[in-house]
Each structure stands twice: as C-alpha cells, then as structure tokens.
C-alpha cells in the first residue's frame, strides 16, 4: 500500500508591525517666532522714524512753541519763516556749509569710489610682484578704526601746510581700504576673465576694456561705495574739527555743532536755526539713498541670471 506524504512549507514568521509614528501636534512656536520677529521690526522702525518725525515737527515751530507744546504736536506753522531765516542768517553761512559738505562728501565720494574700483580691479585681474602682500596691507587698513588715524593725519597735514584748508579735509577721505577690498570682491564675482580676454583679442586696450566692459558690470559696487563715502563724508565731524579753524570752511555737521554751542547766548534765535538746519542737512542723504538703491537691487540679482 502506497502512502502519499504531503510536504508543507513552513510559513515565514511575521515581523512585528512597525510602531505608529507619533502624531505631530501643531505648536504655537512658529507663530510665536513670527510675532517676535515682527515685534523687533516694528521696534526698529519706531526707533528710526520717531526721531525723524519729531525733527520734522520741531522744524515748523518757533522757540516758544518748542517748549509750550508736545514733541509730536503741531503748533503755529513757521516752517517757511524758519527756512528764510536759516538761509539768510549771517550772510547765508548755512548755504556755504552745505556747499562745503557737497564738495567734501560728494566730490570726495566720487573720487574715492573710482580709486577703490580701479585698485580692486587691478588687484583682481592683473599680476604683479607682491600682489597678495600689498593686498594684505590693504586688509590691515580695514582693521584700523578711522578715529585712530585722525591725529596722525592731522600731524602730516600740519607738516605739509594743509591745515585749515579745503585739501586738509578732502585728501584724507580719498583712501578707502574697505572700498579696495569690496572692489576686488565685486570684480572677481561679476567680471569674467573670459570676457576680458575676448576684448583683448579683438584689440581693445586696457583702459577701453575697463570703461566699456568692466565698469558697467561694477556699477553696483561703485554705487555702494559712493553711498558709503557720501554718508561718511557728510557726517564727518572729528577730522574737520581738528583740521579747520575758519568757520567758512566748516561742513554742515560741524557748523550745526557750532550753533549748538551758541544756544546759551540767544536761545530764541539758535534753537529754530538748529532744528531747521538739522532737517535740511539730512535731506541729501535721503535723496542719495533712494536714488541709488536700484543699483543695489541690480547687483543682488546679477548673480542669479545665467
């Protein structure tokens, strides 16, 4: 009698089911962090806007209204009278200070920015002996605060006979180690070497290559350096204070400081002059910022376009 044997395959052992992932609960931390960021931004905005708002309102008041009304409360409108008195006081001395500031800051920033762009371009695109060592000295200049070099510059200007003159304030502002560093960084990022080689192969000289090819690509850097230089030159105080003794050569910031020192002699006169002069003095900085910001946007987006 034949028997049939049935072979049964052992069933594989079932692996334990993976534990269910814990359900994520929505927390309020993103909302809290967003509220903190917005609160910090609002506080920074108020910190910036409120003093400017107070200055605008104060420039419309006379001396009596400055103390009889609140800081953010309008009184009898005297803005036009204050402006007329500002520009006619002492034979138009404030207008002379504005012109001096435009020369120190505007012309100085143009020259300093161009020197920095040219030097940065040269450090990036040309080879010469000791290039990196010279650039290292430039970086050391970035680390030295400007206040440390003011007295040595004054002593040098005194030896050269440049104190109490336009050149004593103008010439030290032409050198900008940070500008040279920024010019080299922008040149390395935005001016391709292949493009310059192609123009040289076509027979263009170095000056033509720079002005027609490199400089248009470096305009964001030039605008940035110009605004930094213009702001620094417009707000310069310590260097003109040491260099100048003739009040006709003062920049507007130092001139307003001189009026501040004379408030005790005639408060009714100098308080409105000081408030209105401070308001007029910040207008060129606002205009320069809003007119040059489009170049910054172009510089930020230039690297994203292939």
C-alpha atoms as a PDB file:
ATOM      1  CA  UNK A   1       0.000   0.000   0.000  1.00  0.00           C
ATOM      2  CA  UNK A   2       1.416   3.291  -1.095  1.00  0.00           C
ATOM      3  CA  UNK A   3       1.256   6.267   1.112  1.00  0.00           C
ATOM      4  CA  UNK A   4       1.482   9.818  -0.001  1.00  0.00           C
ATOM      5  CA  UNK A   5       3.402  12.231   2.108  1.00  0.00           C
ATOM      6  CA  UNK A   6       2.432  15.846   1.908  1.00  0.00           C
ATOM      7  CA  UNK A   7       5.270  18.276   2.384  1.00  0.00           C
ATOM      8  CA  UNK A   8       4.233  21.502   3.984  1.00  0.00           C
ATOM      9  CA  UNK A   9       6.421  24.619   3.668  1.00  0.00           C
ATOM     10  CA  UNK A  10       6.805  26.408   6.956  1.00  0.00           C
ATOM     11  CA  UNK A  11       5.168  29.787   6.928  1.00  0.00           C
ATOM     12  CA  UNK A  12       7.582  32.679   7.404  1.00  0.00           C
ATOM     13  CA  UNK A  13       7.427  34.348  10.737  1.00  0.00           C
ATOM     14  CA  UNK A  14       5.552  37.595  10.633  1.00  0.00           C
ATOM     15  CA  UNK A  15       7.664  40.576  11.544  1.00  0.00           C
ATOM     16  CA  UNK A  16       6.164  42.798  14.144  1.00  0.00           C
ATOM     17  CA  UNK A  17       4.286  45.744  12.725  1.00  0.00           C
ATOM     18  CA  UNK A  18       6.229  48.965  12.932  1.00  0.00           C
ATOM     19  CA  UNK A  19       5.157  51.212  15.696  1.00  0.00           C
ATOM     20  CA  UNK A  20       2.968  54.013  14.549  1.00  0.00           C
ATOM     21  CA  UNK A  21       4.812  57.289  14.253  1.00  0.00           C
ATOM     22  CA  UNK A  22       3.766  59.749  16.876  1.00  0.00           C
ATOM     23  CA  UNK A  23       1.305  62.245  15.532  1.00  0.00           C
ATOM     24  CA  UNK A  24       2.785  65.657  15.230  1.00  0.00           C
ATOM     25  CA  UNK A  25       0.899  68.247  17.081  1.00  0.00           C
ATOM     26  CA  UNK A  26       0.831  71.753  15.757  1.00  0.00           C
ATOM     27  CA  UNK A  27       2.563  74.010  18.197  1.00  0.00           C
ATOM     28  CA  UNK A  28       2.457  77.733  18.510  1.00  0.00           C
ATOM     29  CA  UNK A  29       6.246  78.117  18.192  1.00  0.00           C
ATOM     30  CA  UNK A  30       6.214  79.271  14.519  1.00  0.00           C
ATOM     31  CA  UNK A  31       3.517  81.783  15.304  1.00  0.00           C
ATOM     32  CA  UNK A  32       5.426  82.933  18.374  1.00  0.00           C
ATOM     33  CA  UNK A  33       8.679  83.324  16.434  1.00  0.00           C
ATOM     34  CA  UNK A  34       6.886  85.260  13.695  1.00  0.00           C
ATOM     35  CA  UNK A  35       5.394  87.579  16.286  1.00  0.00           C
ATOM     36  CA  UNK A  36       8.796  88.157  17.881  1.00  0.00           C
ATOM     37  CA  UNK A  37      10.381  88.981  14.519  1.00  0.00           C
ATOM     38  CA  UNK A  38       7.580  91.371  13.606  1.00  0.00           C
ATOM     39  CA  UNK A  39       7.804  92.991  17.030  1.00  0.00           C
ATOM     40  CA  UNK A  40      11.544  93.554  16.625  1.00  0.00           C
ATOM     41  CA  UNK A  41      10.989  95.038  13.158  1.00  0.00           C
ATOM     42  CA  UNK A  42       8.279  97.365  14.443  1.00  0.00           C
ATOM     43  CA  UNK A  43      10.515  98.481  17.316  1.00  0.00           C
ATOM     44  CA  UNK A  44      13.397  99.147  14.913  1.00  0.00           C
ATOM     45  CA  UNK A  45      11.088 101.106  12.626  1.00  0.00           C
ATOM     46  CA  UNK A  46       9.834 103.235  15.502  1.00  0.00           C
ATOM     47  CA  UNK A  47      13.390 103.776  16.720  1.00  0.00           C
ATOM     48  CA  UNK A  48      14.256 105.132  13.270  1.00  0.00           C
ATOM     49  CA  UNK A  49      11.099 107.016  12.342  1.00  0.00           C
ATOM     50  CA  UNK A  50      10.110 108.681  15.605  1.00  0.00           C
ATOM     51  CA  UNK A  51      13.208 110.939  15.934  1.00  0.00           C
ATOM     52  CA  UNK A  52      12.832 111.987  12.300  1.00  0.00           C
ATOM     53  CA  UNK A  53       9.135 112.705  12.850  1.00  0.00           C
ATOM     54  CA  UNK A  54       9.935 114.795  15.918  1.00  0.00           C
ATOM     55  CA  UNK A  55      12.553 116.741  13.933  1.00  0.00           C
ATOM     56  CA  UNK A  56      10.099 117.482  11.111  1.00  0.00           C
ATOM     57  CA  UNK A  57       7.524 118.801  13.586  1.00  0.00           C
ATOM     58  CA  UNK A  58      10.115 120.777  15.566  1.00  0.00           C
ATOM     59  CA  UNK A  59      11.339 122.492  12.404  1.00  0.00           C
ATOM     60  CA  UNK A  60       7.886 124.012  11.943  1.00  0.00           C
ATOM     61  CA  UNK A  61       7.849 125.722  15.358  1.00  0.00           C
ATOM     62  CA  UNK A  62       9.303 128.797  16.937  1.00  0.00           C
ATOM     63  CA  UNK A  63      11.295 128.792  20.144  1.00  0.00           C
ATOM     64  CA  UNK A  64       8.258 129.418  22.360  1.00  0.00           C
ATOM     65  CA  UNK A  65       6.225 126.624  20.750  1.00  0.00           C
ATOM     66  CA  UNK A  66       9.053 124.139  21.208  1.00  0.00           C
ATOM     67  CA  UNK A  67       8.500 124.213  24.967  1.00  0.00           C
ATOM     68  CA  UNK A  68       4.815 125.104  25.180  1.00  0.00           C
ATOM     69  CA  UNK A  69       3.600 122.184  23.006  1.00  0.00           C
ATOM     70  CA  UNK A  70       4.256 118.452  22.920  1.00  0.00           C
ATOM     71  CA  UNK A  71       7.075 116.973  20.888  1.00  0.00           C
ATOM     72  CA  UNK A  72       4.698 115.411  18.333  1.00  0.00           C
ATOM     73  CA  UNK A  73       2.131 118.202  18.430  1.00  0.00           C
ATOM     74  CA  UNK A  74       1.928 120.821  15.708  1.00  0.00           C
ATOM     75  CA  UNK A  75       1.678 124.498  16.608  1.00  0.00           C
ATOM     76  CA  UNK A  76       1.639 127.641  14.512  1.00  0.00           C
ATOM     77  CA  UNK A  77       3.306 126.763  11.207  1.00  0.00           C
ATOM     78  CA  UNK A  78       6.618 128.618  10.924  1.00  0.00           C
ATOM     79  CA  UNK A  79       8.494 126.364   8.525  1.00  0.00           C
ATOM     80  CA  UNK A  80       8.808 128.948   5.764  1.00  0.00           C
ATOM     81  CA  UNK A  81       9.934 131.653   8.184  1.00  0.00           C
ATOM     82  CA  UNK A  82      12.486 129.271   9.697  1.00  0.00           C
ATOM     83  CA  UNK A  83      13.853 128.360   6.258  1.00  0.00           C
ATOM     84  CA  UNK A  84      14.193 132.004   5.229  1.00  0.00           C
ATOM     85  CA  UNK A  85      15.963 132.823   8.478  1.00  0.00           C
ATOM     86  CA  UNK A  86      18.194 129.766   8.097  1.00  0.00           C
ATOM     87  CA  UNK A  87      19.468 130.662   4.630  1.00  0.00           C
ATOM     88  CA  UNK A  88      19.793 134.405   5.301  1.00  0.00           C
ATOM     89  CA  UNK A  89      21.416 134.275   8.735  1.00  0.00           C
ATOM     90  CA  UNK A  90      24.983 135.638   8.801  1.00  0.00           C
ATOM     91  CA  UNK A  91      25.013 136.344   5.045  1.00  0.00           C
ATOM     92  CA  UNK A  92      23.999 132.821   4.057  1.00  0.00           C
ATOM     93  CA  UNK A  93      26.540 130.987   6.189  1.00  0.00           C
ATOM     94  CA  UNK A  94      24.460 127.785   6.267  1.00  0.00           C
ATOM     95  CA  UNK A  95      24.348 127.694   2.467  1.00  0.00           C
ATOM     96  CA  UNK A  96      28.140 127.944   2.468  1.00  0.00           C
ATOM     97  CA  UNK A  97      28.312 124.992   4.840  1.00  0.00           C
ATOM     98  CA  UNK A  98      26.046 122.974   2.551  1.00  0.00           C
ATOM     99  CA  UNK A  99      28.290 123.728  -0.407  1.00  0.00           C
ATOM    100  CA  UNK A 100      31.350 122.694   1.577  1.00  0.00           C
ATOM    101  CA  UNK A 101      29.680 119.413   2.525  1.00  0.00           C
ATOM    102  CA  UNK A 102      28.786 118.694  -1.091  1.00  0.00           C
ATOM    103  CA  UNK A 103      32.425 119.245  -2.050  1.00  0.00           C
ATOM    104  CA  UNK A 104      33.847 117.190   0.826  1.00  0.00           C
ATOM    105  CA  UNK A 105      31.282 114.391   0.601  1.00  0.00           C
ATOM    106  CA  UNK A 106      30.032 114.427  -2.994  1.00  0.00           C
ATOM    107  CA  UNK A 107      33.210 115.079  -4.966  1.00  0.00           C
ATOM    108  CA  UNK A 108      35.257 113.184  -2.406  1.00  0.00           C
ATOM    109  CA  UNK A 109      32.978 110.135  -2.597  1.00  0.00           C
ATOM    110  CA  UNK A 110      33.114 110.137  -6.407  1.00  0.00           C
ATOM    111  CA  UNK A 111      36.914 110.253  -6.419  1.00  0.00           C
ATOM    112  CA  UNK A 112      37.280 107.734  -3.594  1.00  0.00           C
ATOM    113  CA  UNK A 113      34.851 105.264  -5.195  1.00  0.00           C
ATOM    114  CA  UNK A 114      36.618 105.447  -8.545  1.00  0.00           C
ATOM    115  CA  UNK A 115      40.042 104.955  -6.940  1.00  0.00           C
ATOM    116  CA  UNK A 116      38.725 101.964  -4.973  1.00  0.00           C
ATOM    117  CA  UNK A 117      37.118 100.354  -8.023  1.00  0.00           C
ATOM    118  CA  UNK A 118      40.276 100.804 -10.104  1.00  0.00           C
ATOM    119  CA  UNK A 119      42.503  99.425  -7.341  1.00  0.00           C
ATOM    120  CA  UNK A 120      40.206  96.455  -6.684  1.00  0.00           C
ATOM    121  CA  UNK A 121      40.017  95.688 -10.404  1.00  0.00           C
ATOM    122  CA  UNK A 122      43.806  95.810 -10.659  1.00  0.00           C
ATOM    123  CA  UNK A 123      44.287  93.516  -7.653  1.00  0.00           C
ATOM    124  CA  UNK A 124      41.862  91.011  -9.188  1.00  0.00           C
ATOM    125  CA  UNK A 125      42.756  90.996 -12.881  1.00  0.00           C
ATOM    126  CA  UNK A 126      46.461  91.885 -13.076  1.00  0.00           C
ATOM    127  CA  UNK A 127      49.564  90.040 -11.953  1.00  0.00           C
ATOM    128  CA  UNK A 128      52.442  91.969 -10.454  1.00  0.00           C
ATOM    129  CA  UNK A 129      55.155  91.194  -7.897  1.00  0.00           C
ATOM    130  CA  UNK A 130      53.978  91.151  -4.302  1.00  0.00           C
ATOM    131  CA  UNK A 131      50.291  91.495  -5.205  1.00  0.00           C
ATOM    132  CA  UNK A 132      48.944  89.460  -2.306  1.00  0.00           C
ATOM    133  CA  UNK A 133      51.297  91.124   0.170  1.00  0.00           C
ATOM    134  CA  UNK A 134      50.156  94.562  -0.910  1.00  0.00           C
ATOM    135  CA  UNK A 135      46.562  93.431  -0.649  1.00  0.00           C
ATOM    136  CA  UNK A 136      47.301  92.119   2.828  1.00  0.00           C
ATOM    137  CA  UNK A 137      48.394  95.625   3.813  1.00  0.00           C
ATOM    138  CA  UNK A 138      45.085  96.914   2.450  1.00  0.00           C
ATOM    139  CA  UNK A 139      43.216  94.437   4.637  1.00  0.00           C
ATOM    140  CA  UNK A 140      45.194  95.625   7.641  1.00  0.00           C
ATOM    141  CA  UNK A 141      43.927  99.106   6.863  1.00  0.00           C
ATOM    142  CA  UNK A 142      40.360  97.783   7.067  1.00  0.00           C
ATOM    143  CA  UNK A 143      41.017  96.619  10.630  1.00  0.00           C
ATOM    144  CA  UNK A 144      42.284 100.015  11.826  1.00  0.00           C
ATOM    145  CA  UNK A 145      39.479 102.322  13.076  1.00  0.00           C
ATOM    146  CA  UNK A 146      39.279 105.698  11.370  1.00  0.00           C
ATOM    147  CA  UNK A 147      39.473 107.529  14.703  1.00  0.00           C
ATOM    148  CA  UNK A 148      42.944 106.063  15.323  1.00  0.00           C
ATOM    149  CA  UNK A 149      44.360 107.591  12.140  1.00  0.00           C
ATOM    150  CA  UNK A 150      42.818 111.053  12.583  1.00  0.00           C
ATOM    151  CA  UNK A 151      45.576 112.543  14.749  1.00  0.00           C
ATOM    152  CA  UNK A 152      48.456 111.151  12.594  1.00  0.00           C
ATOM    153  CA  UNK A 153      46.730 112.540   9.502  1.00  0.00           C
ATOM    154  CA  UNK A 154      46.417 115.900  11.212  1.00  0.00           C
ATOM    155  CA  UNK A 155      50.140 115.902  12.043  1.00  0.00           C
ATOM    156  CA  UNK A 156      51.017 115.016   8.449  1.00  0.00           C
ATOM    157  CA  UNK A 157      48.727 117.759   7.127  1.00  0.00           C
ATOM    158  CA  UNK A 158      50.311 120.214   9.560  1.00  0.00           C
ATOM    159  CA  UNK A 159      53.791 119.381   8.259  1.00  0.00           C
ATOM    160  CA  UNK A 160      52.572 119.891   4.680  1.00  0.00           C
ATOM    161  CA  UNK A 161      50.780 123.139   5.484  1.00  0.00           C
ATOM    162  CA  UNK A 162      47.318 121.766   4.651  1.00  0.00           C
ATOM    163  CA  UNK A 163      45.572 122.504   7.939  1.00  0.00           C
ATOM    164  CA  UNK A 164      42.700 124.987   7.887  1.00  0.00           C
ATOM    165  CA  UNK A 165      42.235 124.393   4.165  1.00  0.00           C
ATOM    166  CA  UNK A 166      39.909 122.505   1.869  1.00  0.00           C
ATOM    167  CA  UNK A 167      42.580 119.946   0.967  1.00  0.00           C
ATOM    168  CA  UNK A 168      43.242 119.037   4.590  1.00  0.00           C
ATOM    169  CA  UNK A 169      39.746 117.543   4.835  1.00  0.00           C
ATOM    170  CA  UNK A 170      39.343 116.399   1.234  1.00  0.00           C
ATOM    171  CA  UNK A 171      42.533 114.422   0.612  1.00  0.00           C
ATOM    172  CA  UNK A 172      42.392 112.003   3.607  1.00  0.00           C
ATOM    173  CA  UNK A 173      38.952 110.838   2.505  1.00  0.00           C
ATOM    174  CA  UNK A 174      40.203 109.566  -0.859  1.00  0.00           C
ATOM    175  CA  UNK A 175      41.835 106.432   0.601  1.00  0.00           C
ATOM    176  CA  UNK A 176      39.374 103.670   1.482  1.00  0.00           C
ATOM    177  CA  UNK A 177      40.833 100.220   2.301  1.00  0.00           C
ATOM    178  CA  UNK A 178      37.344  98.751   2.589  1.00  0.00           C
ATOM    179  CA  UNK A 179      36.498 100.195  -0.832  1.00  0.00           C
ATOM    180  CA  UNK A 180      39.502  98.474  -2.397  1.00  0.00           C
ATOM    181  CA  UNK A 181      38.517  95.180  -0.776  1.00  0.00           C
ATOM    182  CA  UNK A 182      34.911  95.484  -1.968  1.00  0.00           C
ATOM    183  CA  UNK A 183      36.085  96.439  -5.464  1.00  0.00           C
ATOM    184  CA  UNK A 184      38.178  93.291  -5.707  1.00  0.00           C
ATOM    185  CA  UNK A 185      35.346  91.098  -4.453  1.00  0.00           C
ATOM    186  CA  UNK A 186      32.896  92.527  -6.986  1.00  0.00           C
ATOM    187  CA  UNK A 187      35.442  92.308  -9.790  1.00  0.00           C
ATOM    188  CA  UNK A 188      36.081  88.650  -9.038  1.00  0.00           C
ATOM    189  CA  UNK A 189      32.366  87.845  -8.908  1.00  0.00           C
ATOM    190  CA  UNK A 190      30.898  89.922 -11.749  1.00  0.00           C
ATOM    191  CA  UNK A 191      33.687  90.449 -14.327  1.00  0.00           C
ATOM    192  CA  UNK A 192      34.551  87.161 -16.106  1.00  0.00           C
ATOM    193  CA  UNK A 193      38.142  86.733 -17.196  1.00  0.00           C
ATOM    194  CA  UNK A 194      36.989  85.176 -20.470  1.00  0.00           C
ATOM    195  CA  UNK A 195      35.117  88.333 -21.388  1.00  0.00           C
ATOM    196  CA  UNK A 196      38.197  90.466 -20.837  1.00  0.00           C
ATOM    197  CA  UNK A 197      40.365  88.080 -22.851  1.00  0.00           C
ATOM    198  CA  UNK A 198      37.907  88.267 -25.745  1.00  0.00           C
ATOM    199  CA  UNK A 199      38.066  92.057 -25.810  1.00  0.00           C
ATOM    200  CA  UNK A 200      41.868  91.997 -25.686  1.00  0.00           C
ATOM    201  CA  UNK A 201      41.971  89.547 -28.568  1.00  0.00           C
ATOM    202  CA  UNK A 202      39.819  91.976 -30.545  1.00  0.00           C
ATOM    203  CA  UNK A 203      42.482  94.617 -29.998  1.00  0.00           C
ATOM    204  CA  UNK A 204      40.965  96.719 -27.199  1.00  0.00           C
ATOM    205  CA  UNK A 205      43.382  98.392 -24.800  1.00  0.00           C
ATOM    206  CA  UNK A 206      43.250  98.071 -21.056  1.00  0.00           C
ATOM    207  CA  UNK A 207      41.542 101.433 -20.464  1.00  0.00           C
ATOM    208  CA  UNK A 208      38.906 100.768 -23.110  1.00  0.00           C
ATOM    209  CA  UNK A 209      38.355  97.272 -21.722  1.00  0.00           C
ATOM    210  CA  UNK A 210      37.788  98.676 -18.266  1.00  0.00           C
ATOM    211  CA  UNK A 211      35.471 101.547 -19.221  1.00  0.00           C
ATOM    212  CA  UNK A 212      33.355  99.694 -21.776  1.00  0.00           C
ATOM    213  CA  UNK A 213      33.309  96.164 -20.365  1.00  0.00           C
ATOM    214  CA  UNK A 214      34.304  96.008 -16.701  1.00  0.00           C
ATOM    215  CA  UNK A 215      32.953  99.263 -15.302  1.00  0.00           C
ATOM    216  CA  UNK A 216      29.312  98.701 -16.402  1.00  0.00           C
ATOM    217  CA  UNK A 217      29.407  95.381 -14.551  1.00  0.00           C
ATOM    218  CA  UNK A 218      30.873  97.086 -11.474  1.00  0.00           C
ATOM    219  CA  UNK A 219      28.244  99.832 -11.205  1.00  0.00           C
ATOM    220  CA  UNK A 220      26.507  98.231  -8.175  1.00  0.00           C
ATOM    221  CA  UNK A 221      29.839  98.246  -6.324  1.00  0.00           C
ATOM    222  CA  UNK A 222      30.503 101.822  -7.401  1.00  0.00           C
ATOM    223  CA  UNK A 223      27.055 102.948  -6.220  1.00  0.00           C
ATOM    224  CA  UNK A 224      27.516 101.169  -2.894  1.00  0.00           C
ATOM    225  CA  UNK A 225      30.934 102.723  -2.307  1.00  0.00           C
ATOM    226  CA  UNK A 226      29.674 106.145  -3.338  1.00  0.00           C
ATOM    227  CA  UNK A 227      26.796 105.999  -0.869  1.00  0.00           C
ATOM    228  CA  UNK A 228      29.084 104.810   1.940  1.00  0.00           C
ATOM    229  CA  UNK A 229      31.605 107.531   1.133  1.00  0.00           C
ATOM    230  CA  UNK A 230      28.942 110.212   0.752  1.00  0.00           C
ATOM    231  CA  UNK A 231      27.310 109.309   4.066  1.00  0.00           C
ATOM    232  CA  UNK A 232      30.656 109.184   5.878  1.00  0.00           C
ATOM    233  CA  UNK A 233      31.833 112.454   4.376  1.00  0.00           C
ATOM    234  CA  UNK A 234      28.537 114.223   5.030  1.00  0.00           C
ATOM    235  CA  UNK A 235      28.540 113.155   8.678  1.00  0.00           C
ATOM    236  CA  UNK A 236      32.278 113.754   9.180  1.00  0.00           C
ATOM    237  CA  UNK A 237      32.941 115.626  12.399  1.00  0.00           C
ATOM    238  CA  UNK A 238      36.215 114.782  14.138  1.00  0.00           C
ATOM    239  CA  UNK A 239      38.511 115.299  11.151  1.00  0.00           C
ATOM    240  CA  UNK A 240      37.077 118.733  10.205  1.00  0.00           C
ATOM    241  CA  UNK A 241      37.086 119.692  13.880  1.00  0.00           C
ATOM    242  CA  UNK A 242      40.845 119.107  14.052  1.00  0.00           C
ATOM    243  CA  UNK A 243      41.735 120.414  10.605  1.00  0.00           C
ATOM    244  CA  UNK A 244      39.652 123.590  10.358  1.00  0.00           C
ATOM    245  CA  UNK A 245      39.554 126.786  12.360  1.00  0.00           C
ATOM    246  CA  UNK A 246      37.863 129.021   9.784  1.00  0.00           C
ATOM    247  CA  UNK A 247      34.084 128.601  10.175  1.00  0.00           C
ATOM    248  CA  UNK A 248      33.591 129.426   6.494  1.00  0.00           C
ATOM    249  CA  UNK A 249      35.240 126.078   5.658  1.00  0.00           C
ATOM    250  CA  UNK A 250      33.084 124.027   8.026  1.00  0.00           C
ATOM    251  CA  UNK A 251      30.894 121.203   6.736  1.00  0.00           C
ATOM    252  CA  UNK A 252      27.256 121.355   7.722  1.00  0.00           C
ATOM    253  CA  UNK A 253      27.598 118.955  10.675  1.00  0.00           C
ATOM    254  CA  UNK A 254      30.374 120.941  12.298  1.00  0.00           C
ATOM    255  CA  UNK A 255      28.532 124.191  11.603  1.00  0.00           C
ATOM    256  CA  UNK A 256      25.408 122.942  13.384  1.00  0.00           C
ATOM    257  CA  UNK A 257      27.600 121.925  16.304  1.00  0.00           C
ATOM    258  CA  UNK A 258      28.963 125.469  16.459  1.00  0.00           C
ATOM    259  CA  UNK A 259      25.403 126.823  16.594  1.00  0.00           C
ATOM    260  CA  UNK A 260      24.637 124.337  19.360  1.00  0.00           C
ATOM    261  CA  UNK A 261      27.454 125.839  21.390  1.00  0.00           C
ATOM    262  CA  UNK A 262      25.930 129.310  20.952  1.00  0.00           C
ATOM    263  CA  UNK A 263      22.405 128.447  22.110  1.00  0.00           C
ATOM    264  CA  UNK A 264      23.056 129.841  25.598  1.00  0.00           C
ATOM    265  CA  UNK A 265      23.730 133.289  24.085  1.00  0.00           C
ATOM    266  CA  UNK A 266      20.410 133.542  22.195  1.00  0.00           C
ATOM    267  CA  UNK A 267      18.023 130.609  22.550  1.00  0.00           C
ATOM    268  CA  UNK A 268      15.200 132.327  20.679  1.00  0.00           C
ATOM    269  CA  UNK A 269      17.412 132.594  17.589  1.00  0.00           C
ATOM    270  CA  UNK A 270      19.562 129.475  17.567  1.00  0.00           C
ATOM    271  CA  UNK A 271      17.029 126.805  18.579  1.00  0.00           C
ATOM    272  CA  UNK A 272      14.889 127.241  15.411  1.00  0.00           C
ATOM    273  CA  UNK A 273      18.049 127.561  13.327  1.00  0.00           C
ATOM    274  CA  UNK A 274      19.401 124.321  14.760  1.00  0.00           C
ATOM    275  CA  UNK A 275      16.154 122.366  14.264  1.00  0.00           C
ATOM    276  CA  UNK A 276      15.555 123.597  10.720  1.00  0.00           C
ATOM    277  CA  UNK A 277      19.218 123.206   9.756  1.00  0.00           C
ATOM    278  CA  UNK A 278      19.243 119.613  11.029  1.00  0.00           C
ATOM    279  CA  UNK A 279      16.182 118.806   8.914  1.00  0.00           C
ATOM    280  CA  UNK A 280      17.700 120.324   5.778  1.00  0.00           C
ATOM    281  CA  UNK A 281      21.014 118.571   6.433  1.00  0.00           C
ATOM    282  CA  UNK A 282      19.524 115.053   6.274  1.00  0.00           C
ATOM    283  CA  UNK A 283      17.619 115.594   3.025  1.00  0.00           C
ATOM    284  CA  UNK A 284      20.635 114.954   0.724  1.00  0.00           C
ATOM    285  CA  UNK A 285      21.269 111.623   2.459  1.00  0.00           C
ATOM    286  CA  UNK A 286      17.656 110.543   1.904  1.00  0.00           C
ATOM    287  CA  UNK A 287      17.778 111.566  -1.755  1.00  0.00           C
ATOM    288  CA  UNK A 288      21.076 109.743  -2.300  1.00  0.00           C
ATOM    289  CA  UNK A 289      19.773 106.547  -0.721  1.00  0.00           C
ATOM    290  CA  UNK A 290      16.534 106.349  -2.703  1.00  0.00           C
ATOM    291  CA  UNK A 291      18.212 107.299  -5.982  1.00  0.00           C
ATOM    292  CA  UNK A 292      20.947 104.649  -5.686  1.00  0.00           C
ATOM    293  CA  UNK A 293      19.040 101.694  -4.247  1.00  0.00           C
ATOM    294  CA  UNK A 294      18.108 100.389  -7.721  1.00  0.00           C
ATOM    295  CA  UNK A 295      21.794  99.675  -8.380  1.00  0.00           C
ATOM    296  CA  UNK A 296      21.904  97.533  -5.242  1.00  0.00           C
ATOM    297  CA  UNK A 297      18.938  95.506  -6.464  1.00  0.00           C
ATOM    298  CA  UNK A 298      20.659  95.034  -9.811  1.00  0.00           C
ATOM    299  CA  UNK A 299      23.772  93.829  -8.039  1.00  0.00           C
ATOM    300  CA  UNK A 300      21.876  91.371  -5.866  1.00  0.00           C
ATOM    301  CA  UNK A 301      20.101  89.780  -8.840  1.00  0.00           C
ATOM    302  CA  UNK A 302      23.012  89.813 -11.279  1.00  0.00           C
ATOM    303  CA  UNK A 303      24.429  86.533  -9.999  1.00  0.00           C
ATOM    304  CA  UNK A 304      21.111  84.725 -10.381  1.00  0.00           C
ATOM    305  CA  UNK A 305      20.815  85.326 -14.148  1.00  0.00           C
ATOM    306  CA  UNK A 306      22.660  82.884 -16.369  1.00  0.00           C
END
